[in-house]
């Protein structure tokens, strides 16, 4: 998984373009998903999302994906689960202080964001992780937010008014 994750960061622009094409498809499915019931389709969509994002990003299924804001490097792979930059314990070689064999997730995030068209999103401060959303589909949450159909219970409260940018 680690090698694939590193490849994805090196090709973050390509993944950004793929997602830009994928998101409209998800939105077009909204009427069908609404008719079937988002609660009913959560499990199958979550399983597909977990398989795809697990392979590509070593996704931890936090339910609040911010990959487009972090150079396609999942911040949940940071042993400290930091969503807004490195902890200050980055080694001189760019590796993690907790897992010395692993490159710091935030070093990778900066590298990936430099390759992306919307790379400036790395400067957007992310809200803390809402652990109530763990193991839920961020794709479905994104569709509901983008179509302004988010159920109150499915959207984490955000005091800063920010919107989760990438799913």
N, C-alpha and C. Protein backbone atom coordinates (compact mmCIF):
# COMPACT_ATOMS: atom_id res chain seq x y z
N UNK A 1 0.81 -1.20 0.00
CA UNK A 1 0.00 0.00 0.00
C UNK A 1 0.86 1.27 0.00
N UNK A 2 1.94 1.23 0.76
CA UNK A 2 2.77 2.42 0.90
C UNK A 2 3.32 2.87 -0.45
N UNK A 3 3.75 1.93 -1.28
CA UNK A 3 4.28 2.29 -2.61
C UNK A 3 3.20 2.92 -3.48
N UNK A 4 2.02 2.37 -3.43
CA UNK A 4 0.91 2.92 -4.22
C UNK A 4 0.60 4.33 -3.73
N UNK A 5 0.55 4.48 -2.42
CA UNK A 5 0.28 5.79 -1.82
C UNK A 5 1.31 6.82 -2.27
N UNK A 6 2.57 6.44 -2.31
CA UNK A 6 3.62 7.36 -2.76
C UNK A 6 3.46 7.68 -4.25
N UNK A 7 3.08 6.68 -5.06
CA UNK A 7 2.86 6.89 -6.49
C UNK A 7 1.74 7.91 -6.70
N UNK A 8 0.67 7.76 -5.93
CA UNK A 8 -0.49 8.66 -6.05
C UNK A 8 -0.07 10.10 -5.80
N UNK A 9 0.75 10.33 -4.79
CA UNK A 9 1.21 11.69 -4.48
C UNK A 9 2.04 12.24 -5.64
N UNK A 10 2.88 11.40 -6.21
CA UNK A 10 3.69 11.85 -7.35
C UNK A 10 2.83 12.15 -8.58
N UNK A 11 1.65 11.57 -8.64
CA UNK A 11 0.73 11.77 -9.76
C UNK A 11 -0.57 12.42 -9.30
N UNK A 12 -0.45 13.30 -8.33
CA UNK A 12 -1.64 13.93 -7.72
C UNK A 12 -2.47 14.72 -8.72
N UNK A 13 -1.84 15.34 -9.68
CA UNK A 13 -2.60 16.10 -10.69
C UNK A 13 -3.50 15.18 -11.49
N UNK A 14 -3.00 14.01 -11.87
CA UNK A 14 -3.81 13.04 -12.60
C UNK A 14 -5.02 12.61 -11.77
N UNK A 15 -4.80 12.32 -10.50
CA UNK A 15 -5.90 11.91 -9.63
C UNK A 15 -6.90 13.04 -9.43
N UNK A 16 -6.41 14.27 -9.39
CA UNK A 16 -7.29 15.44 -9.28
C UNK A 16 -8.21 15.51 -10.49
N UNK A 17 -7.67 15.31 -11.68
CA UNK A 17 -8.46 15.35 -12.91
C UNK A 17 -9.48 14.21 -12.93
N UNK A 18 -9.05 13.03 -12.50
CA UNK A 18 -9.97 11.89 -12.46
C UNK A 18 -11.14 12.19 -11.52
N UNK A 19 -10.84 12.74 -10.35
CA UNK A 19 -11.92 13.05 -9.41
C UNK A 19 -12.83 14.15 -9.96
N UNK A 20 -12.27 15.11 -10.66
CA UNK A 20 -13.09 16.17 -11.25
C UNK A 20 -14.08 15.60 -12.26
N UNK A 21 -13.73 14.49 -12.89
CA UNK A 21 -14.65 13.81 -13.79
C UNK A 21 -15.62 12.90 -13.06
N UNK A 22 -15.18 12.34 -11.94
CA UNK A 22 -15.98 11.40 -11.16
C UNK A 22 -17.06 12.09 -10.34
N UNK A 23 -16.75 13.25 -9.81
CA UNK A 23 -17.71 13.97 -8.95
C UNK A 23 -19.03 14.28 -9.67
N UNK A 24 -19.02 14.77 -10.92
CA UNK A 24 -20.29 15.01 -11.61
C UNK A 24 -21.12 13.73 -11.79
N UNK A 25 -20.45 12.61 -11.98
CA UNK A 25 -21.16 11.33 -12.08
C UNK A 25 -21.87 11.02 -10.76
N UNK A 26 -21.17 11.22 -9.65
CA UNK A 26 -21.79 11.01 -8.34
C UNK A 26 -23.01 11.91 -8.16
N UNK A 27 -22.87 13.16 -8.57
CA UNK A 27 -23.98 14.11 -8.42
C UNK A 27 -25.18 13.71 -9.28
N UNK A 28 -24.91 13.20 -10.49
CA UNK A 28 -26.01 12.76 -11.36
C UNK A 28 -26.77 11.58 -10.76
N UNK A 29 -26.11 10.81 -9.91
CA UNK A 29 -26.77 9.67 -9.26
C UNK A 29 -27.61 10.09 -8.05
N UNK A 30 -27.51 11.34 -7.65
CA UNK A 30 -28.23 11.81 -6.46
C UNK A 30 -29.73 11.52 -6.50
N UNK A 31 -30.46 11.81 -7.59
CA UNK A 31 -31.90 11.52 -7.57
C UNK A 31 -32.20 10.03 -7.33
N UNK A 32 -31.41 9.16 -7.94
CA UNK A 32 -31.60 7.72 -7.73
C UNK A 32 -31.31 7.36 -6.28
N UNK A 33 -30.19 7.86 -5.77
CA UNK A 33 -29.82 7.54 -4.39
C UNK A 33 -30.84 8.10 -3.40
N UNK A 34 -31.37 9.26 -3.69
CA UNK A 34 -32.37 9.85 -2.81
C UNK A 34 -33.64 9.00 -2.81
N UNK A 35 -34.01 8.52 -4.00
CA UNK A 35 -35.20 7.68 -4.11
C UNK A 35 -35.00 6.35 -3.37
N UNK A 36 -33.81 5.77 -3.50
CA UNK A 36 -33.53 4.50 -2.81
C UNK A 36 -33.34 4.70 -1.31
N UNK A 37 -32.85 5.88 -0.96
CA UNK A 37 -32.58 6.17 0.45
C UNK A 37 -31.09 6.10 0.73
N UNK A 38 -30.53 7.21 1.14
CA UNK A 38 -29.10 7.26 1.41
C UNK A 38 -28.68 6.26 2.48
N UNK A 39 -29.52 6.04 3.46
CA UNK A 39 -29.18 5.09 4.52
C UNK A 39 -29.06 3.68 3.95
N UNK A 40 -29.92 3.36 2.99
CA UNK A 40 -29.92 2.03 2.38
C UNK A 40 -28.68 1.80 1.51
N UNK A 41 -28.22 2.83 0.82
CA UNK A 41 -27.07 2.64 -0.09
C UNK A 41 -25.73 2.91 0.59
N UNK A 42 -25.75 3.37 1.82
CA UNK A 42 -24.51 3.68 2.53
C UNK A 42 -23.55 2.49 2.53
N UNK A 43 -24.01 1.32 2.89
CA UNK A 43 -23.12 0.16 3.00
C UNK A 43 -22.47 -0.22 1.67
N UNK A 44 -23.23 -0.42 0.58
CA UNK A 44 -22.55 -0.79 -0.67
C UNK A 44 -21.62 0.31 -1.20
N UNK A 45 -22.04 1.56 -1.10
CA UNK A 45 -21.17 2.65 -1.59
C UNK A 45 -19.92 2.74 -0.72
N UNK A 46 -20.10 2.62 0.58
CA UNK A 46 -18.96 2.67 1.50
C UNK A 46 -17.96 1.55 1.18
N UNK A 47 -18.44 0.36 0.86
CA UNK A 47 -17.55 -0.75 0.55
C UNK A 47 -16.74 -0.49 -0.72
N UNK A 48 -17.39 0.06 -1.74
CA UNK A 48 -16.68 0.41 -2.98
C UNK A 48 -15.66 1.52 -2.70
N UNK A 49 -16.10 2.55 -1.97
CA UNK A 49 -15.21 3.66 -1.63
C UNK A 49 -14.00 3.16 -0.84
N UNK A 50 -14.24 2.29 0.12
CA UNK A 50 -13.15 1.76 0.95
C UNK A 50 -12.15 0.97 0.11
N UNK A 51 -12.65 0.16 -0.83
CA UNK A 51 -11.77 -0.63 -1.69
C UNK A 51 -10.91 0.26 -2.57
N UNK A 52 -11.55 1.22 -3.23
CA UNK A 52 -10.83 2.11 -4.16
C UNK A 52 -9.85 3.00 -3.41
N UNK A 53 -10.35 3.72 -2.41
CA UNK A 53 -9.50 4.66 -1.68
C UNK A 53 -8.50 3.95 -0.78
N UNK A 54 -8.85 2.75 -0.33
CA UNK A 54 -7.91 1.96 0.47
C UNK A 54 -6.69 1.60 -0.36
N UNK A 55 -6.92 1.15 -1.58
CA UNK A 55 -5.82 0.78 -2.47
C UNK A 55 -4.97 2.00 -2.84
N UNK A 56 -5.61 3.07 -3.26
CA UNK A 56 -4.88 4.23 -3.76
C UNK A 56 -4.26 5.11 -2.68
N UNK A 57 -4.98 5.33 -1.60
CA UNK A 57 -4.56 6.33 -0.62
C UNK A 57 -4.30 5.75 0.77
N UNK A 58 -4.46 4.43 0.92
CA UNK A 58 -4.40 3.79 2.23
C UNK A 58 -5.43 4.46 3.15
N UNK A 59 -6.61 4.68 2.59
CA UNK A 59 -7.69 5.41 3.25
C UNK A 59 -8.09 4.75 4.57
N UNK A 60 -8.29 5.58 5.58
CA UNK A 60 -8.70 5.12 6.90
C UNK A 60 -10.21 5.30 7.11
N UNK A 61 -10.93 5.73 6.08
CA UNK A 61 -12.39 5.91 6.11
C UNK A 61 -12.84 6.78 7.27
N UNK A 62 -12.27 7.98 7.34
CA UNK A 62 -12.65 8.93 8.40
C UNK A 62 -14.03 9.53 8.14
N UNK A 63 -14.50 9.47 6.88
CA UNK A 63 -15.80 10.02 6.54
C UNK A 63 -15.77 11.49 6.19
N UNK A 64 -14.58 12.11 6.23
CA UNK A 64 -14.45 13.55 5.96
C UNK A 64 -13.22 13.79 5.09
N UNK A 65 -13.20 13.19 3.93
CA UNK A 65 -12.02 13.18 3.08
C UNK A 65 -11.61 14.59 2.65
N UNK A 66 -10.31 14.85 2.73
CA UNK A 66 -9.75 16.14 2.34
C UNK A 66 -8.59 15.97 1.36
N UNK A 67 -8.60 14.88 0.60
CA UNK A 67 -7.48 14.58 -0.29
C UNK A 67 -7.13 15.71 -1.25
N UNK A 68 -8.11 16.41 -1.77
CA UNK A 68 -7.80 17.49 -2.71
C UNK A 68 -7.16 18.68 -2.02
N UNK A 69 -7.24 18.71 -0.71
CA UNK A 69 -6.60 19.79 0.05
C UNK A 69 -5.24 19.38 0.58
N UNK A 70 -4.88 18.13 0.40
CA UNK A 70 -3.63 17.63 0.98
C UNK A 70 -2.78 16.90 -0.05
N UNK A 71 -2.81 17.36 -1.28
CA UNK A 71 -1.95 16.79 -2.31
C UNK A 71 -2.16 15.32 -2.55
N UNK A 72 -3.36 14.84 -2.29
CA UNK A 72 -3.74 13.43 -2.41
C UNK A 72 -3.04 12.53 -1.40
N UNK A 73 -2.48 13.11 -0.36
CA UNK A 73 -1.90 12.35 0.75
C UNK A 73 -2.90 12.40 1.90
N UNK A 74 -3.36 11.25 2.34
CA UNK A 74 -4.37 11.21 3.39
C UNK A 74 -3.76 11.55 4.74
N UNK A 75 -4.21 12.64 5.38
CA UNK A 75 -3.63 13.03 6.66
C UNK A 75 -3.92 12.03 7.77
N UNK A 76 -4.90 11.15 7.57
CA UNK A 76 -5.21 10.15 8.58
C UNK A 76 -4.14 9.06 8.63
N UNK A 77 -3.22 9.05 7.66
CA UNK A 77 -2.09 8.13 7.71
C UNK A 77 -0.98 8.64 8.61
N UNK A 78 -1.09 9.88 9.04
CA UNK A 78 -0.17 10.42 10.03
C UNK A 78 -0.44 9.68 11.34
N UNK A 79 0.58 9.13 11.99
CA UNK A 79 0.35 8.42 13.25
C UNK A 79 -0.35 9.27 14.31
N UNK A 80 -0.24 10.59 14.19
CA UNK A 80 -0.89 11.49 15.15
C UNK A 80 -2.22 12.03 14.62
N UNK A 81 -2.62 11.59 13.42
CA UNK A 81 -3.88 12.02 12.79
C UNK A 81 -4.00 13.53 12.67
N UNK A 82 -2.92 14.20 12.34
CA UNK A 82 -2.93 15.66 12.21
C UNK A 82 -3.48 16.06 10.85
N UNK A 83 -4.44 16.96 10.84
CA UNK A 83 -5.09 17.38 9.59
C UNK A 83 -4.66 18.75 9.10
N UNK A 84 -3.78 19.42 9.82
CA UNK A 84 -3.41 20.79 9.43
C UNK A 84 -1.92 21.03 9.44
N UNK A 85 -1.15 20.06 9.03
CA UNK A 85 0.28 20.25 8.93
C UNK A 85 1.07 19.35 9.86
N UNK A 86 2.37 19.34 9.66
CA UNK A 86 3.22 18.43 10.43
C UNK A 86 3.30 18.81 11.91
N UNK A 87 3.68 17.83 12.70
CA UNK A 87 3.69 17.99 14.15
C UNK A 87 4.91 18.74 14.66
N UNK A 88 5.91 18.88 13.85
CA UNK A 88 7.15 19.51 14.31
C UNK A 88 8.22 18.47 14.59
N UNK A 89 7.85 17.21 14.47
CA UNK A 89 8.80 16.12 14.72
C UNK A 89 9.30 15.48 13.44
N UNK A 90 9.22 16.20 12.34
CA UNK A 90 9.70 15.66 11.07
C UNK A 90 11.22 15.57 11.13
N UNK A 91 11.74 14.42 10.78
CA UNK A 91 13.19 14.21 10.80
C UNK A 91 13.85 14.98 9.65
N UNK A 92 15.15 15.15 9.75
CA UNK A 92 15.91 15.90 8.75
C UNK A 92 15.75 15.31 7.35
N UNK A 93 15.54 13.99 7.27
CA UNK A 93 15.38 13.34 5.97
C UNK A 93 13.93 13.38 5.47
N UNK A 94 13.04 14.10 6.19
CA UNK A 94 11.64 14.22 5.78
C UNK A 94 10.77 13.08 6.25
N UNK A 95 11.30 12.23 7.11
CA UNK A 95 10.54 11.08 7.59
C UNK A 95 9.87 11.38 8.93
N UNK A 96 8.93 10.53 9.28
CA UNK A 96 8.10 10.67 10.48
C UNK A 96 8.90 10.34 11.74
N UNK A 97 8.65 11.11 12.81
CA UNK A 97 9.33 10.82 14.07
C UNK A 97 8.78 9.57 14.74
N UNK A 98 7.51 9.25 14.50
CA UNK A 98 6.89 8.08 15.12
C UNK A 98 7.22 6.81 14.34
N UNK A 99 7.15 6.91 13.02
CA UNK A 99 7.48 5.78 12.14
C UNK A 99 8.63 6.21 11.23
N UNK A 100 9.86 6.05 11.67
CA UNK A 100 11.02 6.55 10.93
C UNK A 100 11.16 5.98 9.51
N UNK A 101 10.57 4.82 9.25
CA UNK A 101 10.66 4.22 7.92
C UNK A 101 9.70 4.88 6.93
N UNK A 102 8.78 5.70 7.43
CA UNK A 102 7.74 6.32 6.60
C UNK A 102 8.04 7.81 6.40
N UNK A 103 7.89 8.25 5.16
CA UNK A 103 8.01 9.67 4.88
C UNK A 103 6.85 10.40 5.57
N UNK A 104 7.10 11.56 6.12
CA UNK A 104 6.05 12.33 6.79
C UNK A 104 4.90 12.58 5.81
N UNK A 105 3.70 12.30 6.26
CA UNK A 105 2.51 12.50 5.43
C UNK A 105 2.43 13.95 4.95
N UNK A 106 2.83 14.89 5.79
CA UNK A 106 2.73 16.30 5.42
C UNK A 106 3.82 16.74 4.47
N UNK A 107 4.96 16.09 4.49
CA UNK A 107 5.98 16.34 3.46
C UNK A 107 5.41 15.89 2.12
N UNK A 108 4.78 14.71 2.12
CA UNK A 108 4.14 14.22 0.89
C UNK A 108 3.00 15.13 0.45
N UNK A 109 2.22 15.61 1.41
CA UNK A 109 1.09 16.49 1.07
C UNK A 109 1.57 17.75 0.36
N UNK A 110 2.64 18.35 0.86
CA UNK A 110 3.17 19.55 0.21
C UNK A 110 3.69 19.24 -1.18
N UNK A 111 4.36 18.10 -1.33
CA UNK A 111 4.86 17.70 -2.65
C UNK A 111 3.69 17.50 -3.62
N UNK A 112 2.67 16.79 -3.18
CA UNK A 112 1.51 16.53 -4.03
C UNK A 112 0.75 17.80 -4.38
N UNK A 113 0.59 18.69 -3.41
CA UNK A 113 -0.18 19.91 -3.66
C UNK A 113 0.51 20.81 -4.68
N UNK A 114 1.82 20.78 -4.73
CA UNK A 114 2.55 21.59 -5.73
C UNK A 114 2.26 21.14 -7.15
N UNK A 115 1.87 19.90 -7.32
CA UNK A 115 1.59 19.36 -8.65
C UNK A 115 0.14 19.60 -9.09
N UNK A 116 -0.71 19.95 -8.15
CA UNK A 116 -2.14 20.03 -8.43
C UNK A 116 -2.57 21.42 -8.90
N UNK A 117 -3.58 21.45 -9.73
CA UNK A 117 -4.13 22.72 -10.21
C UNK A 117 -4.70 23.53 -9.05
N UNK A 118 -5.33 22.87 -8.11
CA UNK A 118 -5.93 23.53 -6.95
C UNK A 118 -5.06 23.33 -5.71
N UNK A 119 -3.76 23.29 -5.90
CA UNK A 119 -2.82 23.02 -4.82
C UNK A 119 -2.85 24.01 -3.67
N UNK A 120 -3.35 25.20 -3.92
CA UNK A 120 -3.41 26.21 -2.85
C UNK A 120 -4.38 25.80 -1.74
N UNK A 121 -5.20 24.80 -1.98
CA UNK A 121 -6.14 24.34 -0.95
C UNK A 121 -5.42 23.80 0.29
N UNK A 122 -4.16 23.49 0.16
CA UNK A 122 -3.42 23.00 1.32
C UNK A 122 -3.36 24.06 2.42
N UNK A 123 -3.58 25.31 2.06
CA UNK A 123 -3.56 26.41 3.04
C UNK A 123 -4.88 26.56 3.80
N UNK A 124 -5.92 25.86 3.37
CA UNK A 124 -7.22 25.93 4.05
C UNK A 124 -7.14 25.12 5.34
N UNK A 125 -7.47 25.77 6.44
CA UNK A 125 -7.45 25.08 7.74
C UNK A 125 -8.65 24.14 7.80
N UNK A 126 -8.37 22.89 8.13
CA UNK A 126 -9.42 21.87 8.22
C UNK A 126 -9.94 21.77 9.64
N UNK A 127 -11.21 21.47 9.76
CA UNK A 127 -11.81 21.25 11.07
C UNK A 127 -11.27 19.96 11.66
N UNK A 128 -11.29 19.83 12.97
CA UNK A 128 -10.86 18.57 13.59
C UNK A 128 -11.71 17.41 13.07
N UNK A 129 -11.15 16.23 13.13
CA UNK A 129 -11.87 15.04 12.68
C UNK A 129 -13.07 14.79 13.60
N UNK A 130 -14.20 14.54 12.98
CA UNK A 130 -15.40 14.15 13.72
C UNK A 130 -15.44 12.62 13.69
N UNK A 131 -15.01 12.01 14.78
CA UNK A 131 -14.89 10.56 14.81
C UNK A 131 -16.24 9.84 14.75
N UNK A 132 -17.34 10.56 14.90
CA UNK A 132 -18.66 9.95 14.72
C UNK A 132 -18.88 9.53 13.28
N UNK A 133 -18.13 10.11 12.34
CA UNK A 133 -18.32 9.82 10.92
C UNK A 133 -17.41 8.70 10.42
N UNK A 134 -16.57 8.16 11.29
CA UNK A 134 -15.65 7.09 10.89
C UNK A 134 -16.44 5.94 10.26
N UNK A 135 -15.87 5.37 9.22
CA UNK A 135 -16.45 4.25 8.48
C UNK A 135 -17.76 4.61 7.78
N UNK A 136 -17.91 5.88 7.42
CA UNK A 136 -19.06 6.28 6.60
C UNK A 136 -18.52 6.81 5.27
N UNK A 137 -19.38 6.88 4.29
CA UNK A 137 -18.98 7.29 2.94
C UNK A 137 -18.86 8.81 2.83
N UNK A 138 -17.67 9.26 2.53
CA UNK A 138 -17.49 10.69 2.29
C UNK A 138 -18.03 11.06 0.91
N UNK A 139 -18.08 10.10 -0.01
CA UNK A 139 -18.64 10.38 -1.33
C UNK A 139 -20.12 10.74 -1.21
N UNK A 140 -20.86 9.96 -0.46
CA UNK A 140 -22.29 10.25 -0.29
C UNK A 140 -22.49 11.57 0.45
N UNK A 141 -21.69 11.81 1.45
CA UNK A 141 -21.79 13.08 2.19
C UNK A 141 -21.51 14.25 1.25
N UNK A 142 -20.51 14.10 0.40
CA UNK A 142 -20.17 15.17 -0.54
C UNK A 142 -21.31 15.44 -1.51
N UNK A 143 -21.93 14.39 -2.02
CA UNK A 143 -23.06 14.57 -2.95
C UNK A 143 -24.18 15.32 -2.26
N UNK A 144 -24.48 14.95 -1.05
CA UNK A 144 -25.57 15.62 -0.33
C UNK A 144 -25.23 17.08 -0.05
N UNK A 145 -23.97 17.36 0.25
CA UNK A 145 -23.56 18.75 0.47
C UNK A 145 -23.62 19.55 -0.83
N UNK A 146 -23.13 18.95 -1.91
CA UNK A 146 -23.10 19.66 -3.19
C UNK A 146 -24.49 19.87 -3.78
N UNK A 147 -25.43 19.02 -3.43
CA UNK A 147 -26.81 19.18 -3.91
C UNK A 147 -27.68 19.87 -2.87
N UNK A 148 -27.06 20.34 -1.81
CA UNK A 148 -27.76 21.05 -0.73
C UNK A 148 -28.86 20.20 -0.12
N UNK A 149 -28.58 18.91 0.00
CA UNK A 149 -29.57 17.98 0.53
C UNK A 149 -29.01 17.22 1.74
N UNK A 150 -28.09 17.83 2.45
CA UNK A 150 -27.47 17.14 3.58
C UNK A 150 -28.44 17.04 4.74
N UNK A 151 -28.60 15.84 5.22
CA UNK A 151 -29.41 15.63 6.41
C UNK A 151 -28.64 16.15 7.61
N UNK A 152 -29.29 16.81 8.55
CA UNK A 152 -28.58 17.39 9.69
C UNK A 152 -27.69 16.39 10.42
N UNK A 153 -28.13 15.15 10.58
CA UNK A 153 -27.33 14.17 11.31
C UNK A 153 -26.13 13.69 10.51
N UNK A 154 -26.14 13.88 9.20
CA UNK A 154 -25.04 13.36 8.38
C UNK A 154 -23.93 14.37 8.19
N UNK A 155 -24.12 15.57 8.64
CA UNK A 155 -23.13 16.62 8.43
C UNK A 155 -22.54 17.02 9.78
N UNK A 156 -21.20 16.97 9.91
CA UNK A 156 -20.61 17.39 11.17
C UNK A 156 -20.81 18.88 11.38
N UNK A 157 -20.96 19.27 12.63
CA UNK A 157 -21.10 20.70 12.90
C UNK A 157 -19.76 21.37 12.72
N UNK A 158 -19.76 22.52 12.07
CA UNK A 158 -18.53 23.24 11.77
C UNK A 158 -18.69 24.66 12.27
N UNK A 159 -17.95 25.02 13.27
CA UNK A 159 -18.06 26.37 13.81
C UNK A 159 -17.42 27.41 12.90
N UNK A 160 -16.50 26.96 12.02
CA UNK A 160 -15.80 27.92 11.16
C UNK A 160 -16.50 28.15 9.83
N UNK A 161 -17.56 27.39 9.55
CA UNK A 161 -18.30 27.56 8.31
C UNK A 161 -17.63 26.94 7.11
N UNK A 162 -16.48 26.29 7.29
CA UNK A 162 -15.76 25.67 6.17
C UNK A 162 -16.51 24.43 5.71
N UNK A 163 -16.30 24.08 4.46
CA UNK A 163 -16.92 22.89 3.88
C UNK A 163 -15.81 21.91 3.58
N UNK A 164 -16.05 20.63 3.86
CA UNK A 164 -15.07 19.62 3.48
C UNK A 164 -14.95 19.65 1.97
N UNK A 165 -13.73 19.81 1.47
CA UNK A 165 -13.54 20.11 0.06
C UNK A 165 -13.46 18.90 -0.84
N UNK A 166 -12.79 17.85 -0.45
CA UNK A 166 -12.64 16.70 -1.32
C UNK A 166 -13.03 15.46 -0.57
N UNK A 167 -13.53 14.56 -1.29
CA UNK A 167 -14.11 13.38 -0.68
C UNK A 167 -13.27 12.19 -0.93
